[in-house]
């Protein structure tokens, strides 16, 4: 059983939902990410989504775009991201880590670190670093059955996005290859945008569950503890990204981890109440 599956199984047994914070690797300081990840776990994170900085992030709103630009300017790429996961794993062997990003950095990594045995260098190195899942925004399900199989054989899950516009056929395609969890994008738009219509989310989740057997997380508009609690009543997981990035942006270095930890503790408390 993967670390992700084990985490959801344990939470289900306790009648609790997963809290999944997202941070951009290498933001707001190039070397702070492992420390920040530990702080988020201390605040109640069950799974961590670690954003791989990319120059053209089609799904991300201005807050995460800006964080990605800052991380790129500090020299953060896939090599550095995998090193951060390895550093985190020296003290935490249980919290799942999901890399979230785009196809280009994965493809580029494979080009640069080309292997002659036909294996993907990214899959091998991510597994060795302690990565549990991969969410590649621009890998459509029909194009990556081989990638999903390769990840699975290395003990990693391939996670997909579903949107308010996803058809039943699309959900079935995702269900065939997805593992770990699926991530329902709760609104039409980019990360951090718009007000969340919790009623629309509640109506959509049973439709998704008709097709998808893995847990369903919801994100892209959850900004506070009250909304997280509402979504947590219907979803299996709550994903929060832009709000955390905003909170830690412009903080002095010694405040970054405590600010994230305190915010997540508030969210966790609300979700558990």
Protein backbone atom coordinates (compact mmCIF):
# COMPACT_ATOMS: atom_id res chain seq x y z
CA UNK A 1 0.00 0.00 0.00
CA UNK A 2 1.38 3.41 -0.97
CA UNK A 3 1.98 6.05 1.70
CA UNK A 4 -0.89 8.06 0.19
CA UNK A 5 -3.33 5.12 0.35
CA UNK A 6 -2.23 4.32 3.91
CA UNK A 7 -2.75 7.95 4.98
CA UNK A 8 -6.30 8.09 3.57
CA UNK A 9 -7.10 4.69 5.05
CA UNK A 10 -5.92 5.77 8.53
CA UNK A 11 -7.87 9.03 8.34
CA UNK A 12 -11.02 7.22 7.22
CA UNK A 13 -10.73 4.87 10.19
CA UNK A 14 -10.62 7.95 12.46
CA UNK A 15 -13.52 9.66 10.66
CA UNK A 16 -11.25 12.52 9.60
CA UNK A 17 -10.41 14.20 6.30
CA UNK A 18 -7.01 14.91 4.78
CA UNK A 19 -5.51 18.39 4.92
CA UNK A 20 -3.21 18.90 1.93
CA UNK A 21 -1.24 22.17 1.85
CA UNK A 22 0.61 23.25 -1.29
CA UNK A 23 3.81 25.29 -1.30
CA UNK A 24 6.11 26.21 -4.16
CA UNK A 25 9.51 24.57 -3.69
CA UNK A 26 12.19 27.15 -2.97
CA UNK A 27 9.75 29.89 -1.91
CA UNK A 28 10.02 32.34 -0.21
CA UNK A 29 13.66 31.37 0.45
CA UNK A 30 15.61 28.90 -1.68
CA UNK A 31 16.67 26.70 1.25
CA UNK A 32 13.61 26.90 3.53
CA UNK A 33 11.40 24.21 2.01
CA UNK A 34 12.29 21.14 4.16
CA UNK A 35 11.91 23.23 7.34
CA UNK A 36 8.58 24.58 6.06
CA UNK A 37 7.37 21.06 5.23
CA UNK A 38 8.10 19.89 8.79
CA UNK A 39 6.24 22.91 10.18
CA UNK A 40 3.21 22.13 8.02
CA UNK A 41 3.15 18.54 9.28
CA UNK A 42 3.32 19.89 12.85
CA UNK A 43 0.35 22.13 11.97
CA UNK A 44 -1.75 19.17 10.85
CA UNK A 45 -0.85 18.50 7.20
CA UNK A 46 -1.57 14.90 6.13
CA UNK A 47 -0.06 15.12 2.63
CA UNK A 48 2.20 17.84 1.22
CA UNK A 49 1.95 19.07 -2.36
CA UNK A 50 5.26 20.53 -3.43
CA UNK A 51 5.11 22.77 -6.49
CA UNK A 52 7.90 22.35 -9.03
CA UNK A 53 8.62 25.89 -10.32
CA UNK A 54 7.94 26.36 -14.03
CA UNK A 55 8.05 29.44 -16.27
CA UNK A 56 4.63 28.93 -17.93
CA UNK A 57 2.24 27.57 -15.30
CA UNK A 58 -1.09 27.44 -17.14
CA UNK A 59 -3.24 26.43 -14.15
CA UNK A 60 -1.75 28.78 -11.56
CA UNK A 61 -3.02 32.22 -10.65
CA UNK A 62 -0.88 35.31 -10.00
CA UNK A 63 0.06 34.38 -6.41
CA UNK A 64 1.60 31.01 -7.29
CA UNK A 65 3.02 32.38 -10.58
CA UNK A 66 4.91 35.01 -8.59
CA UNK A 67 6.18 32.39 -6.13
CA UNK A 68 7.35 30.23 -9.04
CA UNK A 69 9.16 33.16 -10.66
CA UNK A 70 10.96 33.91 -7.40
CA UNK A 71 11.98 30.26 -6.96
CA UNK A 72 13.21 30.04 -10.58
CA UNK A 73 15.24 33.21 -10.08
CA UNK A 74 16.85 31.50 -7.07
CA UNK A 75 17.88 28.57 -9.28
CA UNK A 76 15.28 26.03 -8.17
CA UNK A 77 14.59 23.24 -10.66
CA UNK A 78 13.70 19.57 -10.50
CA UNK A 79 17.17 18.55 -9.23
CA UNK A 80 16.81 20.93 -6.26
CA UNK A 81 13.20 19.87 -5.61
CA UNK A 82 14.20 16.20 -5.36
CA UNK A 83 17.03 17.19 -2.98
CA UNK A 84 14.45 18.97 -0.78
CA UNK A 85 12.33 15.83 -0.60
CA UNK A 86 15.41 13.77 0.32
CA UNK A 87 16.22 16.28 3.09
CA UNK A 88 12.63 16.13 4.40
CA UNK A 89 12.74 12.32 4.39
CA UNK A 90 15.76 12.23 6.73
CA UNK A 91 13.36 13.18 9.55
CA UNK A 92 9.94 12.17 8.23
CA UNK A 93 9.30 8.75 6.73
CA UNK A 94 5.49 8.78 6.88
CA UNK A 95 3.98 11.98 5.44
CA UNK A 96 3.27 11.58 1.71
CA UNK A 97 4.83 14.13 -0.65
CA UNK A 98 3.26 14.87 -4.03
CA UNK A 99 5.13 16.82 -6.69
CA UNK A 100 2.76 19.14 -8.54
CA UNK A 101 3.79 20.77 -11.75
CA UNK A 102 3.98 20.60 -15.51
CA UNK A 103 5.24 18.23 -18.18
CA UNK A 104 8.18 20.35 -19.32
CA UNK A 105 10.40 20.01 -16.20
CA UNK A 106 9.78 16.23 -16.13
CA UNK A 107 10.57 15.80 -19.83
CA UNK A 108 13.63 18.04 -19.51
CA UNK A 109 14.89 16.08 -16.49
CA UNK A 110 14.65 12.87 -18.52
CA UNK A 111 16.55 14.46 -21.40
CA UNK A 112 19.39 15.71 -19.21
CA UNK A 113 19.63 12.56 -17.06
CA UNK A 114 19.04 10.15 -19.93
CA UNK A 115 19.24 6.47 -18.98
CA UNK A 116 20.20 3.74 -21.43
CA UNK A 117 17.99 1.05 -19.89
CA UNK A 118 14.82 2.75 -21.15
CA UNK A 119 13.68 3.72 -17.66
CA UNK A 120 12.58 7.24 -16.89
CA UNK A 121 15.30 8.98 -14.87
CA UNK A 122 12.62 11.14 -13.26
CA UNK A 123 10.63 8.14 -12.00
CA UNK A 124 13.71 6.40 -10.67
CA UNK A 125 15.13 9.50 -8.95
CA UNK A 126 11.77 10.69 -7.57
CA UNK A 127 11.13 7.27 -6.02
CA UNK A 128 14.65 7.21 -4.54
CA UNK A 129 14.13 10.69 -3.07
CA UNK A 130 10.94 9.60 -1.30
CA UNK A 131 8.25 11.10 -3.55
CA UNK A 132 4.84 9.40 -3.24
CA UNK A 133 2.80 10.95 -6.00
CA UNK A 134 3.01 13.14 -9.07
CA UNK A 135 0.41 15.58 -10.38
CA UNK A 136 1.30 16.85 -13.85
CA UNK A 137 -1.30 19.43 -14.86
CA UNK A 138 -0.74 19.09 -18.61
CA UNK A 139 -0.47 15.29 -18.90
CA UNK A 140 -3.93 14.18 -20.11
CA UNK A 141 -4.98 10.70 -18.92
CA UNK A 142 -5.17 9.21 -22.41
CA UNK A 143 -1.53 10.17 -23.05
CA UNK A 144 0.08 8.75 -19.92
CA UNK A 145 -0.97 5.18 -19.24
CA UNK A 146 2.67 4.09 -19.62
CA UNK A 147 3.85 6.84 -17.26
CA UNK A 148 1.18 5.84 -14.72
CA UNK A 149 2.26 2.20 -14.92
CA UNK A 150 5.93 3.12 -14.52
CA UNK A 151 5.16 5.29 -11.49
CA UNK A 152 3.04 2.55 -9.95
CA UNK A 153 5.79 -0.02 -10.39
CA UNK A 154 8.07 2.37 -8.48
CA UNK A 155 5.48 2.75 -5.68
CA UNK A 156 4.19 6.17 -6.71
CA UNK A 157 0.71 7.43 -7.57
CA UNK A 158 -0.33 9.53 -10.57
CA UNK A 159 -2.86 12.14 -9.53
CA UNK A 160 -5.19 13.92 -11.92
CA UNK A 161 -7.24 17.08 -11.91
CA UNK A 162 -10.97 17.08 -12.58
CA UNK A 163 -12.87 20.31 -13.20
CA UNK A 164 -16.48 21.57 -13.09
CA UNK A 165 -16.46 21.06 -16.87
CA UNK A 166 -15.29 17.41 -16.76
CA UNK A 167 -17.67 15.04 -18.55
CA UNK A 168 -18.60 11.55 -17.38
CA UNK A 169 -16.39 10.18 -20.17
CA UNK A 170 -13.46 12.26 -18.91
CA UNK A 171 -13.98 11.02 -15.35
CA UNK A 172 -13.92 7.42 -16.64
CA UNK A 173 -10.65 8.08 -18.49
CA UNK A 174 -9.12 9.51 -15.31
CA UNK A 175 -10.48 6.64 -13.21
CA UNK A 176 -8.62 4.13 -15.40
CA UNK A 177 -5.18 5.58 -14.65
CA UNK A 178 -5.52 7.62 -11.45
CA UNK A 179 -4.31 6.39 -8.09
CA UNK A 180 -3.73 7.99 -4.69
CA UNK A 181 -6.46 10.60 -5.00
CA UNK A 182 -7.98 12.86 -7.62
CA UNK A 183 -7.94 16.62 -7.24
CA UNK A 184 -11.21 18.37 -8.04
CA UNK A 185 -10.65 21.95 -9.16
CA UNK A 186 -13.59 23.62 -7.48
CA UNK A 187 -14.00 26.53 -9.88
CA UNK A 188 -13.51 27.49 -13.51
CA UNK A 189 -10.26 29.42 -13.42
CA UNK A 190 -6.76 29.43 -12.02
CA UNK A 191 -5.52 28.75 -8.49
CA UNK A 192 -6.60 31.20 -5.81
CA UNK A 193 -9.25 32.88 -7.96
CA UNK A 194 -12.90 33.59 -7.32
CA UNK A 195 -15.27 32.82 -4.51
CA UNK A 196 -15.94 29.16 -3.90
CA UNK A 197 -19.50 27.90 -4.48
CA UNK A 198 -19.61 25.16 -1.86
CA UNK A 199 -23.08 24.08 -3.02
CA UNK A 200 -21.78 23.39 -6.53
CA UNK A 201 -18.90 21.36 -5.05
CA UNK A 202 -21.33 19.31 -2.96
CA UNK A 203 -23.42 18.59 -6.06
CA UNK A 204 -20.40 17.56 -8.14
CA UNK A 205 -18.74 15.11 -5.72
CA UNK A 206 -21.36 12.33 -6.00
CA UNK A 207 -21.02 12.55 -9.82
CA UNK A 208 -17.25 12.14 -9.55
CA UNK A 209 -17.60 9.23 -7.12
CA UNK A 210 -19.84 7.34 -9.56
CA UNK A 211 -16.74 6.93 -11.72
CA UNK A 212 -13.73 7.37 -9.46
CA UNK A 213 -12.99 4.99 -6.59
CA UNK A 214 -9.93 6.79 -5.14
CA UNK A 215 -10.39 9.61 -2.60
CA UNK A 216 -11.40 13.04 -3.92
CA UNK A 217 -9.63 16.20 -2.77
CA UNK A 218 -10.94 19.69 -3.47
CA UNK A 219 -8.89 22.84 -4.01
CA UNK A 220 -8.34 26.08 -5.99
CA UNK A 221 -10.44 28.44 -3.86
CA UNK A 222 -10.18 27.43 -0.21
CA UNK A 223 -8.84 30.39 1.75
CA UNK A 224 -9.97 29.99 5.35
CA UNK A 225 -10.79 27.51 8.09
CA UNK A 226 -14.58 27.85 7.73
CA UNK A 227 -14.54 26.98 4.01
CA UNK A 228 -12.13 24.12 4.66
CA UNK A 229 -14.52 22.74 7.26
CA UNK A 230 -17.50 22.95 4.86
CA UNK A 231 -15.59 21.27 2.02
CA UNK A 232 -14.18 18.68 4.43
CA UNK A 233 -17.72 17.56 5.22
CA UNK A 234 -18.22 16.40 1.62
CA UNK A 235 -14.72 15.78 0.21
CA UNK A 236 -12.04 13.32 1.33
CA UNK A 237 -9.36 16.03 1.35
CA UNK A 238 -9.00 19.80 1.38
CA UNK A 239 -6.17 21.35 -0.65
CA UNK A 240 -4.93 24.86 0.21
CA UNK A 241 -2.22 26.62 -1.78
CA UNK A 242 -2.48 30.29 -2.73
CA UNK A 243 -3.54 31.37 0.75
CA UNK A 244 -0.43 29.79 2.32
CA UNK A 245 1.82 31.37 -0.33
CA UNK A 246 0.27 34.78 0.44
CA UNK A 247 0.75 34.31 4.18
CA UNK A 248 4.44 33.39 3.96
CA UNK A 249 5.32 35.93 1.26
CA UNK A 250 7.20 38.93 2.66
CA UNK A 251 7.65 37.25 6.06
CA UNK A 252 11.06 37.47 7.71
CA UNK A 253 12.81 34.12 7.42
CA UNK A 254 12.26 33.03 11.03
CA UNK A 255 8.50 33.62 10.72
CA UNK A 256 7.81 31.63 7.54
CA UNK A 257 7.47 28.20 9.18
CA UNK A 258 5.53 29.39 12.28
CA UNK A 259 3.06 31.41 10.18
CA UNK A 260 2.29 28.39 7.97
CA UNK A 261 2.07 26.08 10.97
CA UNK A 262 -0.34 28.35 12.87
CA UNK A 263 -2.61 28.81 9.86
CA UNK A 264 -2.79 25.06 9.21
CA UNK A 265 -3.47 24.38 12.88
CA UNK A 266 -6.53 26.68 12.66
CA UNK A 267 -7.72 24.87 9.53
CA UNK A 268 -7.10 21.44 11.03
CA UNK A 269 -8.98 22.35 14.20
CA UNK A 270 -11.96 23.57 12.16
CA UNK A 271 -11.94 20.44 9.98
CA UNK A 272 -11.84 18.17 13.04
CA UNK A 273 -14.58 20.01 14.94
